[in-house]
Amino acid sequence: MSPAPVVRHSGTAAPLRRRDVDTDQIIPAEFCKRLGRTGYEDTLFHRWRQEADFVLNRPAHAGASVLVAGPDFGIGSSREHAVWALRDFGFRAVIAPSFGDIFRANAAKNQLVTPRVPEEDVERLWALIEADPTTEFTVDLAERVLLAGDLRIPFEIGEHSRWQLMSGLDDIDITLRRGGGIDAHEQRRPGWLPRIATTRAAVGGPDDGTAAPKAG
């Protein structure tokens, strides 16, 4: 089943006043041995959550679905589990000045929105949350704007990531939409080369001719 499209998300936010958060801090490696793609909520920031005053342990931020972090969030090793843990915990968006490239790509594939805003705006957002944890944040992908209290902050997001989030297509869906081109390529191959089953025959449907934007 394809993921649901994401066009606009609203919810309260939690401030993570840390920079250079790597994927091992998001989910320690020992938890990546689990089978399956769900059930990782207890592993998110596992070491930090042993601290009683860690931000996600505070009742004021229970139920937050937006995380506001410092620069270079999600750097380090390539582990999709980091995105799964954030999603399973309840986050639907992570706002930061910058992200690890692989983390950002994994996020789009798993319907986690990653708006990029300048560091000075992150500081303003942290102050806003700490003054009133009930402030509602709205991430509007269609308009590329973040709304919070009296703030209206434009954000950046890769065009391919934005398209993938708003279309609700995963990588398999995107490949299948190029079925006609794949079939044509197979038909042009010399007969002595190995052949694969045509895409349309494999899925029982026509190519709609819609191409995805280039990654970026």
N, C-alpha and C. Protein backbone atom coordinates (compact mmCIF):
# COMPACT_ATOMS: atom_id res chain seq x y z
N MET A 1 0.85 -1.20 0.00
CA MET A 1 0.00 0.00 0.00
C MET A 1 0.88 1.24 0.00
N SER A 2 0.58 2.19 -0.86
CA SER A 2 1.35 3.42 -0.94
C SER A 2 1.07 4.30 0.27
N PRO A 3 2.07 5.11 0.70
CA PRO A 3 1.85 6.01 1.82
C PRO A 3 0.83 7.10 1.47
N ALA A 4 0.21 7.67 2.49
CA ALA A 4 -0.76 8.74 2.27
C ALA A 4 -0.04 10.03 1.89
N PRO A 5 -0.58 10.81 0.97
CA PRO A 5 0.04 12.09 0.63
C PRO A 5 0.09 13.03 1.83
N VAL A 6 1.11 13.87 1.87
CA VAL A 6 1.24 14.89 2.91
C VAL A 6 1.29 16.24 2.22
N VAL A 7 0.32 17.09 2.50
CA VAL A 7 0.29 18.43 1.92
C VAL A 7 0.45 19.48 3.02
N ARG A 8 -0.14 19.22 4.16
CA ARG A 8 -0.14 20.18 5.27
C ARG A 8 -0.23 19.40 6.57
N HIS A 9 0.59 19.75 7.54
CA HIS A 9 0.52 19.09 8.85
C HIS A 9 0.51 20.13 9.96
N SER A 10 -0.34 19.92 10.95
CA SER A 10 -0.41 20.81 12.11
C SER A 10 -0.27 20.01 13.39
N GLY A 11 0.42 20.57 14.37
CA GLY A 11 0.58 19.92 15.66
C GLY A 11 1.49 20.75 16.55
N THR A 12 1.61 20.34 17.80
CA THR A 12 2.52 21.03 18.71
C THR A 12 3.95 20.56 18.45
N ALA A 13 4.91 21.29 19.02
CA ALA A 13 6.32 21.03 18.72
C ALA A 13 7.14 20.84 19.98
N ALA A 14 8.26 20.14 19.81
CA ALA A 14 9.23 19.94 20.89
C ALA A 14 10.57 20.53 20.44
N PRO A 15 11.26 21.27 21.34
CA PRO A 15 12.54 21.88 20.96
C PRO A 15 13.72 20.97 21.32
N LEU A 16 14.49 20.56 20.35
CA LEU A 16 15.69 19.77 20.60
C LEU A 16 16.89 20.69 20.41
N ARG A 17 17.35 21.27 21.52
CA ARG A 17 18.44 22.25 21.45
C ARG A 17 19.78 21.53 21.34
N ARG A 18 19.97 20.83 20.26
CA ARG A 18 21.22 20.13 20.00
C ARG A 18 21.53 20.22 18.51
N ARG A 19 22.82 20.27 18.20
CA ARG A 19 23.26 20.31 16.82
C ARG A 19 24.07 19.05 16.51
N ASP A 20 24.29 18.78 15.25
CA ASP A 20 25.07 17.61 14.81
C ASP A 20 24.53 16.31 15.40
N VAL A 21 23.22 16.16 15.41
CA VAL A 21 22.60 14.94 15.92
C VAL A 21 22.74 13.86 14.85
N ASP A 22 23.49 12.79 15.17
CA ASP A 22 23.71 11.75 14.16
C ASP A 22 22.70 10.62 14.33
N THR A 23 22.68 9.73 13.34
CA THR A 23 21.66 8.67 13.34
C THR A 23 21.86 7.69 14.49
N ASP A 24 23.09 7.55 14.98
CA ASP A 24 23.30 6.65 16.13
C ASP A 24 22.72 7.25 17.40
N GLN A 25 22.66 8.57 17.48
CA GLN A 25 22.01 9.21 18.62
C GLN A 25 20.49 9.15 18.48
N ILE A 26 20.01 9.20 17.25
CA ILE A 26 18.57 9.08 17.03
C ILE A 26 18.09 7.68 17.38
N ILE A 27 18.82 6.66 16.93
CA ILE A 27 18.52 5.26 17.27
C ILE A 27 19.83 4.49 17.34
N PRO A 28 20.23 4.05 18.53
CA PRO A 28 21.48 3.29 18.67
C PRO A 28 21.48 2.03 17.80
N ALA A 29 22.67 1.65 17.35
CA ALA A 29 22.81 0.56 16.38
C ALA A 29 22.23 -0.76 16.86
N GLU A 30 22.27 -1.01 18.18
CA GLU A 30 21.79 -2.31 18.66
C GLU A 30 20.31 -2.53 18.38
N PHE A 31 19.55 -1.46 18.19
CA PHE A 31 18.12 -1.60 17.93
C PHE A 31 17.81 -1.82 16.44
N CYS A 32 18.83 -1.67 15.61
CA CYS A 32 18.62 -1.84 14.16
C CYS A 32 18.61 -3.31 13.75
N LYS A 33 18.81 -4.20 14.71
CA LYS A 33 18.79 -5.64 14.41
C LYS A 33 17.37 -6.20 14.43
N ARG A 34 16.42 -5.39 14.87
CA ARG A 34 15.04 -5.85 14.92
C ARG A 34 14.50 -6.09 13.51
N LEU A 35 13.56 -7.01 13.42
CA LEU A 35 12.90 -7.27 12.15
C LEU A 35 11.66 -6.38 12.05
N GLY A 36 11.32 -5.98 10.86
CA GLY A 36 10.13 -5.15 10.67
C GLY A 36 10.47 -3.68 10.62
N ARG A 37 9.48 -2.89 10.18
CA ARG A 37 9.65 -1.45 9.99
C ARG A 37 8.88 -0.63 11.01
N THR A 38 8.23 -1.25 11.96
CA THR A 38 7.45 -0.51 12.96
C THR A 38 7.82 -0.98 14.37
N GLY A 39 7.37 -0.21 15.36
CA GLY A 39 7.62 -0.58 16.75
C GLY A 39 8.92 -0.03 17.31
N TYR A 40 9.41 1.06 16.75
CA TYR A 40 10.70 1.62 17.18
C TYR A 40 10.55 2.83 18.09
N GLU A 41 9.33 3.12 18.54
CA GLU A 41 9.14 4.34 19.33
C GLU A 41 9.94 4.34 20.63
N ASP A 42 10.17 3.16 21.22
CA ASP A 42 10.92 3.09 22.47
C ASP A 42 12.42 3.27 22.28
N THR A 43 12.88 3.25 21.03
CA THR A 43 14.31 3.36 20.75
C THR A 43 14.75 4.79 20.43
N LEU A 44 13.82 5.67 20.15
CA LEU A 44 14.16 7.03 19.73
C LEU A 44 14.94 7.77 20.81
N PHE A 45 16.10 8.30 20.46
CA PHE A 45 16.96 9.02 21.42
C PHE A 45 17.12 8.21 22.71
N HIS A 46 17.32 6.92 22.57
CA HIS A 46 17.26 6.00 23.71
C HIS A 46 18.20 6.41 24.84
N ARG A 47 19.43 6.76 24.52
CA ARG A 47 20.40 7.11 25.58
C ARG A 47 20.01 8.42 26.25
N TRP A 48 19.59 9.40 25.47
CA TRP A 48 19.22 10.69 26.04
C TRP A 48 17.96 10.57 26.90
N ARG A 49 17.08 9.68 26.55
CA ARG A 49 15.84 9.56 27.32
C ARG A 49 16.05 8.91 28.68
N GLN A 50 17.28 8.47 28.95
CA GLN A 50 17.59 8.00 30.30
C GLN A 50 17.76 9.18 31.26
N GLU A 51 17.90 10.38 30.68
CA GLU A 51 18.01 11.60 31.49
C GLU A 51 16.60 12.10 31.81
N ALA A 52 16.30 12.26 33.08
CA ALA A 52 14.93 12.61 33.50
C ALA A 52 14.45 13.91 32.86
N ASP A 53 15.38 14.86 32.64
CA ASP A 53 14.96 16.18 32.14
C ASP A 53 15.10 16.30 30.62
N PHE A 54 15.34 15.19 29.93
CA PHE A 54 15.41 15.27 28.47
C PHE A 54 14.08 15.78 27.94
N VAL A 55 14.14 16.58 26.88
CA VAL A 55 12.96 17.30 26.40
C VAL A 55 11.77 16.39 26.12
N LEU A 56 12.00 15.21 25.58
CA LEU A 56 10.87 14.34 25.24
C LEU A 56 10.29 13.63 26.46
N ASN A 57 10.95 13.76 27.61
CA ASN A 57 10.40 13.21 28.86
C ASN A 57 9.52 14.22 29.59
N ARG A 58 9.47 15.45 29.11
CA ARG A 58 8.71 16.50 29.80
C ARG A 58 7.23 16.41 29.40
N PRO A 59 6.34 16.41 30.38
CA PRO A 59 4.90 16.32 30.08
C PRO A 59 4.41 17.40 29.14
N ALA A 60 5.04 18.57 29.18
CA ALA A 60 4.59 19.69 28.33
C ALA A 60 4.69 19.36 26.84
N HIS A 61 5.56 18.42 26.49
CA HIS A 61 5.76 18.10 25.08
C HIS A 61 5.20 16.74 24.69
N ALA A 62 4.41 16.16 25.57
CA ALA A 62 3.76 14.89 25.23
C ALA A 62 2.84 15.09 24.03
N GLY A 63 2.93 14.23 23.08
CA GLY A 63 2.07 14.33 21.90
C GLY A 63 2.56 15.26 20.82
N ALA A 64 3.74 15.86 21.00
CA ALA A 64 4.27 16.75 19.96
C ALA A 64 4.52 15.96 18.68
N SER A 65 4.18 16.56 17.55
CA SER A 65 4.38 15.89 16.26
C SER A 65 5.36 16.62 15.35
N VAL A 66 5.91 17.72 15.87
CA VAL A 66 6.92 18.49 15.14
C VAL A 66 8.15 18.61 16.04
N LEU A 67 9.31 18.29 15.51
CA LEU A 67 10.56 18.42 16.25
C LEU A 67 11.37 19.55 15.63
N VAL A 68 11.86 20.46 16.48
CA VAL A 68 12.67 21.58 15.99
C VAL A 68 14.09 21.37 16.51
N ALA A 69 15.03 21.14 15.61
CA ALA A 69 16.39 20.76 15.99
C ALA A 69 17.42 21.74 15.43
N GLY A 70 18.67 21.57 15.89
CA GLY A 70 19.76 22.41 15.42
C GLY A 70 20.32 21.93 14.09
N PRO A 71 21.40 22.58 13.62
CA PRO A 71 21.96 22.25 12.31
C PRO A 71 22.49 20.82 12.22
N ASP A 72 22.52 20.31 11.01
CA ASP A 72 23.09 18.99 10.69
C ASP A 72 22.40 17.86 11.45
N PHE A 73 21.09 17.84 11.37
CA PHE A 73 20.32 16.76 11.99
C PHE A 73 20.33 15.55 11.06
N GLY A 74 20.54 14.37 11.63
CA GLY A 74 20.49 13.13 10.85
C GLY A 74 21.75 12.82 10.08
N ILE A 75 22.89 13.36 10.51
CA ILE A 75 24.15 13.04 9.85
C ILE A 75 24.61 11.65 10.30
N GLY A 76 25.69 11.17 9.70
CA GLY A 76 26.23 9.88 10.11
C GLY A 76 25.81 8.74 9.21
N SER A 77 25.80 7.55 9.77
CA SER A 77 25.58 6.34 8.98
C SER A 77 24.18 6.32 8.37
N SER A 78 24.08 5.60 7.26
CA SER A 78 22.79 5.48 6.56
C SER A 78 21.95 4.41 7.23
N ARG A 79 20.96 4.83 8.01
CA ARG A 79 20.04 3.86 8.61
C ARG A 79 18.63 4.43 8.56
N GLU A 80 17.80 3.76 7.78
CA GLU A 80 16.41 4.19 7.64
C GLU A 80 15.66 4.07 8.96
N HIS A 81 16.21 3.24 9.87
CA HIS A 81 15.59 3.06 11.19
C HIS A 81 15.44 4.39 11.92
N ALA A 82 16.34 5.34 11.66
CA ALA A 82 16.26 6.64 12.34
C ALA A 82 14.94 7.34 12.00
N VAL A 83 14.56 7.28 10.74
CA VAL A 83 13.29 7.87 10.32
C VAL A 83 12.12 7.06 10.89
N TRP A 84 12.23 5.74 10.87
CA TRP A 84 11.15 4.90 11.41
C TRP A 84 10.91 5.21 12.88
N ALA A 85 12.00 5.40 13.65
CA ALA A 85 11.85 5.69 15.08
C ALA A 85 11.15 7.02 15.30
N LEU A 86 11.51 8.03 14.53
CA LEU A 86 10.85 9.34 14.65
C LEU A 86 9.37 9.23 14.31
N ARG A 87 9.06 8.52 13.23
CA ARG A 87 7.67 8.35 12.82
C ARG A 87 6.88 7.56 13.88
N ASP A 88 7.45 6.48 14.37
CA ASP A 88 6.74 5.65 15.34
C ASP A 88 6.49 6.40 16.65
N PHE A 89 7.40 7.33 16.99
CA PHE A 89 7.21 8.11 18.21
C PHE A 89 6.08 9.13 18.04
N GLY A 90 5.77 9.46 16.80
CA GLY A 90 4.67 10.39 16.55
C GLY A 90 5.05 11.64 15.78
N PHE A 91 6.33 11.79 15.43
CA PHE A 91 6.74 12.98 14.69
C PHE A 91 6.38 12.86 13.22
N ARG A 92 5.88 13.96 12.67
CA ARG A 92 5.54 14.02 11.26
C ARG A 92 6.38 15.06 10.51
N ALA A 93 7.12 15.86 11.27
CA ALA A 93 8.01 16.85 10.65
C ALA A 93 9.18 17.12 11.58
N VAL A 94 10.36 17.30 11.00
CA VAL A 94 11.54 17.75 11.73
C VAL A 94 12.03 19.01 11.04
N ILE A 95 12.09 20.10 11.80
CA ILE A 95 12.54 21.39 11.27
C ILE A 95 13.96 21.62 11.74
N ALA A 96 14.85 21.99 10.83
CA ALA A 96 16.24 22.25 11.19
C ALA A 96 16.88 23.11 10.10
N PRO A 97 18.04 23.73 10.40
CA PRO A 97 18.72 24.50 9.35
C PRO A 97 19.32 23.62 8.25
N SER A 98 19.69 22.38 8.60
CA SER A 98 20.29 21.47 7.61
C SER A 98 20.15 20.04 8.09
N PHE A 99 20.23 19.11 7.12
CA PHE A 99 20.07 17.68 7.41
C PHE A 99 21.16 16.89 6.69
N GLY A 100 21.43 15.68 7.21
CA GLY A 100 22.24 14.74 6.46
C GLY A 100 21.51 14.36 5.19
N ASP A 101 22.24 14.26 4.08
CA ASP A 101 21.60 14.02 2.78
C ASP A 101 20.83 12.71 2.74
N ILE A 102 21.43 11.64 3.26
CA ILE A 102 20.76 10.34 3.21
C ILE A 102 19.54 10.33 4.12
N PHE A 103 19.67 10.94 5.30
CA PHE A 103 18.52 11.04 6.20
C PHE A 103 17.38 11.78 5.52
N ARG A 104 17.69 12.87 4.85
CA ARG A 104 16.66 13.68 4.19
C ARG A 104 15.94 12.87 3.11
N ALA A 105 16.69 12.08 2.35
CA ALA A 105 16.07 11.24 1.32
C ALA A 105 15.20 10.15 1.94
N ASN A 106 15.71 9.53 3.02
CA ASN A 106 14.92 8.50 3.70
C ASN A 106 13.64 9.07 4.29
N ALA A 107 13.73 10.31 4.78
CA ALA A 107 12.56 10.95 5.38
C ALA A 107 11.44 11.10 4.35
N ALA A 108 11.78 11.57 3.16
CA ALA A 108 10.76 11.77 2.12
C ALA A 108 10.10 10.46 1.73
N LYS A 109 10.88 9.38 1.73
CA LYS A 109 10.33 8.07 1.37
C LYS A 109 9.38 7.52 2.43
N ASN A 110 9.47 8.08 3.64
CA ASN A 110 8.66 7.59 4.76
C ASN A 110 7.70 8.64 5.30
N GLN A 111 7.39 9.65 4.48
CA GLN A 111 6.39 10.66 4.83
C GLN A 111 6.75 11.46 6.08
N LEU A 112 8.04 11.72 6.27
CA LEU A 112 8.50 12.61 7.32
C LEU A 112 8.99 13.88 6.64
N VAL A 113 8.36 15.01 6.95
CA VAL A 113 8.67 16.28 6.29
C VAL A 113 9.90 16.91 6.95
N THR A 114 10.82 17.43 6.13
CA THR A 114 12.06 18.01 6.67
C THR A 114 12.28 19.43 6.14
N PRO A 115 11.53 20.40 6.64
CA PRO A 115 11.71 21.79 6.21
C PRO A 115 13.04 22.35 6.73
N ARG A 116 13.73 23.11 5.89
CA ARG A 116 14.97 23.76 6.30
C ARG A 116 14.72 25.26 6.46
N VAL A 117 15.08 25.79 7.63
CA VAL A 117 14.94 27.22 7.89
C VAL A 117 16.26 27.72 8.46
N PRO A 118 16.56 29.01 8.35
CA PRO A 118 17.81 29.55 8.88
C PRO A 118 17.93 29.34 10.39
N GLU A 119 19.17 29.30 10.87
CA GLU A 119 19.41 29.02 12.29
C GLU A 119 18.76 30.07 13.18
N GLU A 120 18.75 31.32 12.74
CA GLU A 120 18.13 32.36 13.57
C GLU A 120 16.62 32.12 13.72
N ASP A 121 15.99 31.55 12.70
CA ASP A 121 14.57 31.22 12.81
C ASP A 121 14.34 30.04 13.75
N VAL A 122 15.26 29.08 13.74
CA VAL A 122 15.17 27.97 14.70
C VAL A 122 15.23 28.50 16.12
N GLU A 123 16.11 29.47 16.37
CA GLU A 123 16.20 30.07 17.71
C GLU A 123 14.87 30.72 18.09
N ARG A 124 14.24 31.39 17.16
CA ARG A 124 12.94 32.02 17.42
C ARG A 124 11.87 30.96 17.72
N LEU A 125 11.92 29.87 16.99
CA LEU A 125 10.95 28.79 17.20
C LEU A 125 11.16 28.12 18.56
N TRP A 126 12.42 27.90 18.93
CA TRP A 126 12.70 27.33 20.26
C TRP A 126 12.13 28.23 21.36
N ALA A 127 12.37 29.53 21.23
CA ALA A 127 11.88 30.47 22.25
C ALA A 127 10.36 30.46 22.30
N LEU A 128 9.72 30.37 21.15
CA LEU A 128 8.26 30.34 21.09
C LEU A 128 7.70 29.10 21.79
N ILE A 129 8.30 27.94 21.52
CA ILE A 129 7.83 26.70 22.15
C ILE A 129 8.03 26.74 23.65
N GLU A 130 9.19 27.21 24.08
CA GLU A 130 9.48 27.23 25.51
C GLU A 130 8.59 28.22 26.25
N ALA A 131 8.16 29.28 25.58
CA ALA A 131 7.24 30.24 26.19
C ALA A 131 5.84 29.67 26.28
N ASP A 132 5.44 28.88 25.27
CA ASP A 132 4.10 28.29 25.25
C ASP A 132 4.13 26.96 24.48
N PRO A 133 4.30 25.84 25.19
CA PRO A 133 4.38 24.54 24.53
C PRO A 133 3.12 24.13 23.78
N THR A 134 2.01 24.84 24.01
CA THR A 134 0.76 24.49 23.31
C THR A 134 0.63 25.17 21.95
N THR A 135 1.62 26.00 21.59
CA THR A 135 1.57 26.69 20.30
C THR A 135 1.45 25.69 19.16
N GLU A 136 0.51 25.92 18.27
CA GLU A 136 0.33 25.02 17.13
C GLU A 136 1.25 25.44 15.98
N PHE A 137 1.93 24.46 15.43
CA PHE A 137 2.78 24.65 14.26
C PHE A 137 2.05 24.07 13.05
N THR A 138 2.13 24.75 11.93
CA THR A 138 1.59 24.22 10.68
C THR A 138 2.68 24.25 9.62
N VAL A 139 2.95 23.09 9.06
CA VAL A 139 3.91 22.97 7.96
C VAL A 139 3.10 22.81 6.68
N ASP A 140 3.18 23.80 5.81
CA ASP A 140 2.40 23.80 4.57
C ASP A 140 3.34 23.54 3.40
N LEU A 141 3.30 22.32 2.88
CA LEU A 141 4.18 21.96 1.77
C LEU A 141 3.78 22.67 0.48
N ALA A 142 2.49 22.84 0.27
CA ALA A 142 2.03 23.48 -0.97
C ALA A 142 2.57 24.90 -1.08
N GLU A 143 2.57 25.62 0.05
CA GLU A 143 3.02 27.01 0.05
C GLU A 143 4.48 27.15 0.48
N ARG A 144 5.08 26.08 0.95
CA ARG A 144 6.44 26.09 1.48
C ARG A 144 6.58 27.13 2.59
N VAL A 145 5.67 27.08 3.54
CA VAL A 145 5.70 28.04 4.63
C VAL A 145 5.37 27.35 5.95
N LEU A 146 6.01 27.84 7.01
CA LEU A 146 5.78 27.35 8.36
C LEU A 146 5.05 28.43 9.15
N LEU A 147 3.94 28.06 9.78
CA LEU A 147 3.16 28.99 10.60
C LEU A 147 3.24 28.54 12.05
N ALA A 148 3.54 29.49 12.95
CA ALA A 148 3.61 29.18 14.38
C ALA A 148 3.40 30.48 15.15
N GLY A 149 2.33 30.54 15.92
CA GLY A 149 2.01 31.79 16.62
C GLY A 149 1.86 32.91 15.60
N ASP A 150 2.59 34.01 15.83
CA ASP A 150 2.56 35.13 14.88
C ASP A 150 3.62 35.01 13.79
N LEU A 151 4.36 33.92 13.81
CA LEU A 151 5.45 33.75 12.85
C LEU A 151 4.96 33.10 11.56
N ARG A 152 5.48 33.59 10.47
CA ARG A 152 5.26 32.99 9.16
C ARG A 152 6.62 32.90 8.49
N ILE A 153 7.16 31.69 8.40
CA ILE A 153 8.54 31.50 7.97
C ILE A 153 8.59 30.64 6.71
N PRO A 154 9.07 31.18 5.60
CA PRO A 154 9.26 30.35 4.41
C PRO A 154 10.34 29.29 4.68
N PHE A 155 10.19 28.13 4.10
CA PHE A 155 11.21 27.10 4.29
C PHE A 155 11.64 26.51 2.96
N GLU A 156 12.77 25.83 2.99
CA GLU A 156 13.29 25.15 1.80
C GLU A 156 13.10 23.66 1.96
N ILE A 157 12.85 22.99 0.86
CA ILE A 157 12.79 21.54 0.82
C ILE A 157 13.06 21.12 -0.63
N GLY A 158 13.79 20.05 -0.81
CA GLY A 158 14.11 19.60 -2.16
C GLY A 158 12.85 19.36 -2.98
N GLU A 159 12.88 19.73 -4.25
CA GLU A 159 11.68 19.61 -5.07
C GLU A 159 11.24 18.16 -5.22
N HIS A 160 12.19 17.25 -5.35
CA HIS A 160 11.81 15.83 -5.46
C HIS A 160 11.18 15.35 -4.16
N SER A 161 11.77 15.72 -3.02
CA SER A 161 11.21 15.32 -1.72
C SER A 161 9.80 15.87 -1.55
N ARG A 162 9.63 17.14 -1.91
CA ARG A 162 8.30 17.77 -1.79
C ARG A 162 7.29 17.04 -2.67
N TRP A 163 7.68 16.76 -3.91
CA TRP A 163 6.78 16.05 -4.84
C TRP A 163 6.43 14.67 -4.31
N GLN A 164 7.44 13.96 -3.78
CA GLN A 164 7.18 12.60 -3.29
C GLN A 164 6.24 12.62 -2.08
N LEU A 165 6.44 13.57 -1.18
CA LEU A 165 5.57 13.69 -0.01
C LEU A 165 4.13 14.03 -0.42
N MET A 166 3.99 14.98 -1.33
CA MET A 166 2.65 15.44 -1.70
C MET A 166 1.92 14.44 -2.60
N SER A 167 2.67 13.64 -3.34
CA SER A 167 2.04 12.65 -4.22
C SER A 167 1.72 11.36 -3.49
N GLY A 168 2.42 11.10 -2.38
CA GLY A 168 2.19 9.86 -1.65
C GLY A 168 2.72 8.64 -2.38
N LEU A 169 3.75 8.82 -3.20
CA LEU A 169 4.32 7.70 -3.96
C LEU A 169 5.61 7.23 -3.32
N ASP A 170 5.78 5.90 -3.25
CA ASP A 170 7.06 5.37 -2.80
C ASP A 170 7.93 5.07 -4.02
N ASP A 171 9.14 4.56 -3.78
CA ASP A 171 10.07 4.35 -4.89
C ASP A 171 9.54 3.34 -5.91
N ILE A 172 8.83 2.33 -5.44
CA ILE A 172 8.27 1.33 -6.35
C ILE A 172 7.21 1.97 -7.24
N ASP A 173 6.33 2.78 -6.62
CA ASP A 173 5.31 3.48 -7.40
C ASP A 173 5.94 4.34 -8.50
N ILE A 174 7.01 5.05 -8.12
CA ILE A 174 7.66 5.95 -9.08
C ILE A 174 8.24 5.15 -10.24
N THR A 175 8.85 4.01 -9.93
CA THR A 175 9.41 3.16 -10.99
C THR A 175 8.31 2.65 -11.92
N LEU A 176 7.19 2.21 -11.33
CA LEU A 176 6.11 1.66 -12.14
C LEU A 176 5.47 2.71 -13.05
N ARG A 177 5.53 3.98 -12.63
CA ARG A 177 4.98 5.04 -13.48
C ARG A 177 5.83 5.27 -14.73
N ARG A 178 7.05 4.75 -14.70
CA ARG A 178 7.91 4.83 -15.87
C ARG A 178 7.87 3.54 -16.68
N GLY A 179 6.82 2.74 -16.45
CA GLY A 179 6.74 1.42 -17.07
C GLY A 179 6.84 1.44 -18.58
N GLY A 180 6.21 2.41 -19.24
CA GLY A 180 6.25 2.46 -20.69
C GLY A 180 7.66 2.62 -21.21
N GLY A 181 8.43 3.51 -20.58
CA GLY A 181 9.82 3.70 -20.99
C GLY A 181 10.67 2.47 -20.75
N ILE A 182 10.41 1.80 -19.63
CA ILE A 182 11.16 0.57 -19.33
C ILE A 182 10.84 -0.51 -20.36
N ASP A 183 9.55 -0.64 -20.68
CA ASP A 183 9.15 -1.64 -21.68
C ASP A 183 9.78 -1.35 -23.04
N ALA A 184 9.77 -0.06 -23.43
CA ALA A 184 10.35 0.31 -24.72
C ALA A 184 11.84 -0.01 -24.77
N HIS A 185 12.52 0.25 -23.65
CA HIS A 185 13.95 -0.06 -23.58
C HIS A 185 14.18 -1.56 -23.75
N GLU A 186 13.35 -2.37 -23.10
CA GLU A 186 13.49 -3.82 -23.21
C GLU A 186 13.26 -4.30 -24.64
N GLN A 187 12.31 -3.67 -25.33
CA GLN A 187 12.02 -4.08 -26.70
C GLN A 187 13.17 -3.73 -27.65
N ARG A 188 13.93 -2.69 -27.31
CA ARG A 188 15.04 -2.28 -28.17
C ARG A 188 16.30 -3.12 -27.96
N ARG A 189 16.34 -3.87 -26.86
CA ARG A 189 17.54 -4.66 -26.55
C ARG A 189 17.70 -5.80 -27.56
N PRO A 190 18.94 -6.12 -27.96
CA PRO A 190 19.17 -7.25 -28.87
C PRO A 190 18.60 -8.54 -28.29
N GLY A 191 18.10 -9.40 -29.16
CA GLY A 191 17.46 -10.62 -28.71
C GLY A 191 18.35 -11.57 -27.96
N TRP A 192 19.67 -11.46 -28.16
CA TRP A 192 20.57 -12.40 -27.47
C TRP A 192 20.85 -11.99 -26.03
N LEU A 193 20.42 -10.78 -25.63
CA LEU A 193 20.61 -10.35 -24.24
C LEU A 193 19.46 -10.85 -23.37
N PRO A 194 19.72 -11.10 -22.07
CA PRO A 194 18.64 -11.53 -21.17
C PRO A 194 17.54 -10.48 -21.12
N ARG A 195 16.31 -10.91 -20.95
CA ARG A 195 15.17 -10.00 -20.90
C ARG A 195 14.46 -10.15 -19.57
N ILE A 196 13.75 -9.10 -19.16
CA ILE A 196 12.95 -9.15 -17.95
C ILE A 196 11.48 -9.04 -18.33
N ALA A 197 10.61 -9.45 -17.42
CA ALA A 197 9.18 -9.29 -17.67
C ALA A 197 8.87 -7.81 -17.81
N THR A 198 8.02 -7.46 -18.76
CA THR A 198 7.70 -6.05 -18.94
C THR A 198 6.96 -5.51 -17.74
N THR A 199 7.17 -4.24 -17.47
CA THR A 199 6.59 -3.62 -16.28
C THR A 199 5.08 -3.65 -16.31
N ARG A 200 4.48 -3.32 -17.45
CA ARG A 200 3.03 -3.28 -17.52
C ARG A 200 2.44 -4.66 -17.31
N ALA A 201 3.11 -5.69 -17.88
CA ALA A 201 2.61 -7.05 -17.69
C ALA A 201 2.72 -7.45 -16.23
N ALA A 202 3.79 -6.97 -15.56
CA ALA A 202 4.01 -7.36 -14.17
C ALA A 202 2.97 -6.77 -13.25
N VAL A 203 2.51 -5.54 -13.53
CA VAL A 203 1.57 -4.87 -12.62
C VAL A 203 0.16 -4.83 -13.15
N GLY A 204 -0.02 -5.20 -14.41
CA GLY A 204 -1.37 -5.23 -14.98
C GLY A 204 -1.96 -3.88 -15.23
N GLY A 205 -1.13 -2.88 -15.53
CA GLY A 205 -1.67 -1.55 -15.78
C GLY A 205 -0.79 -0.77 -16.72
N PRO A 206 -1.30 0.29 -17.33
CA PRO A 206 -0.54 1.08 -18.29
C PRO A 206 0.37 2.08 -17.61
N ASP A 207 1.35 2.54 -18.35
CA ASP A 207 2.21 3.63 -17.91
C ASP A 207 1.42 4.93 -18.05
N ASP A 208 1.43 5.77 -16.99
CA ASP A 208 0.66 7.02 -17.08
C ASP A 208 1.50 8.15 -17.64
N GLY A 209 2.79 7.87 -17.90
CA GLY A 209 3.64 8.88 -18.53
C GLY A 209 4.09 9.99 -17.61
N THR A 210 3.81 9.88 -16.31
CA THR A 210 4.17 10.94 -15.37
C THR A 210 5.56 10.68 -14.81
N ALA A 211 6.45 11.62 -14.97
CA ALA A 211 7.81 11.46 -14.46
C ALA A 211 7.97 12.23 -13.17
N ALA A 212 8.80 11.70 -12.29
CA ALA A 212 9.09 12.39 -11.04
C ALA A 212 10.14 13.46 -11.27
N PRO A 213 10.11 14.54 -10.49
CA PRO A 213 11.18 15.52 -10.57
C PRO A 213 12.50 14.88 -10.18
N LYS A 214 13.60 15.46 -10.65
CA LYS A 214 14.90 14.94 -10.28
C LYS A 214 15.14 15.14 -8.79
N ALA A 215 15.89 14.20 -8.20
CA ALA A 215 16.20 14.30 -6.77
C ALA A 215 17.02 15.55 -6.52
N GLY A 216 16.83 16.12 -5.30
CA GLY A 216 17.57 17.32 -4.97
C GLY A 216 16.96 18.01 -3.79
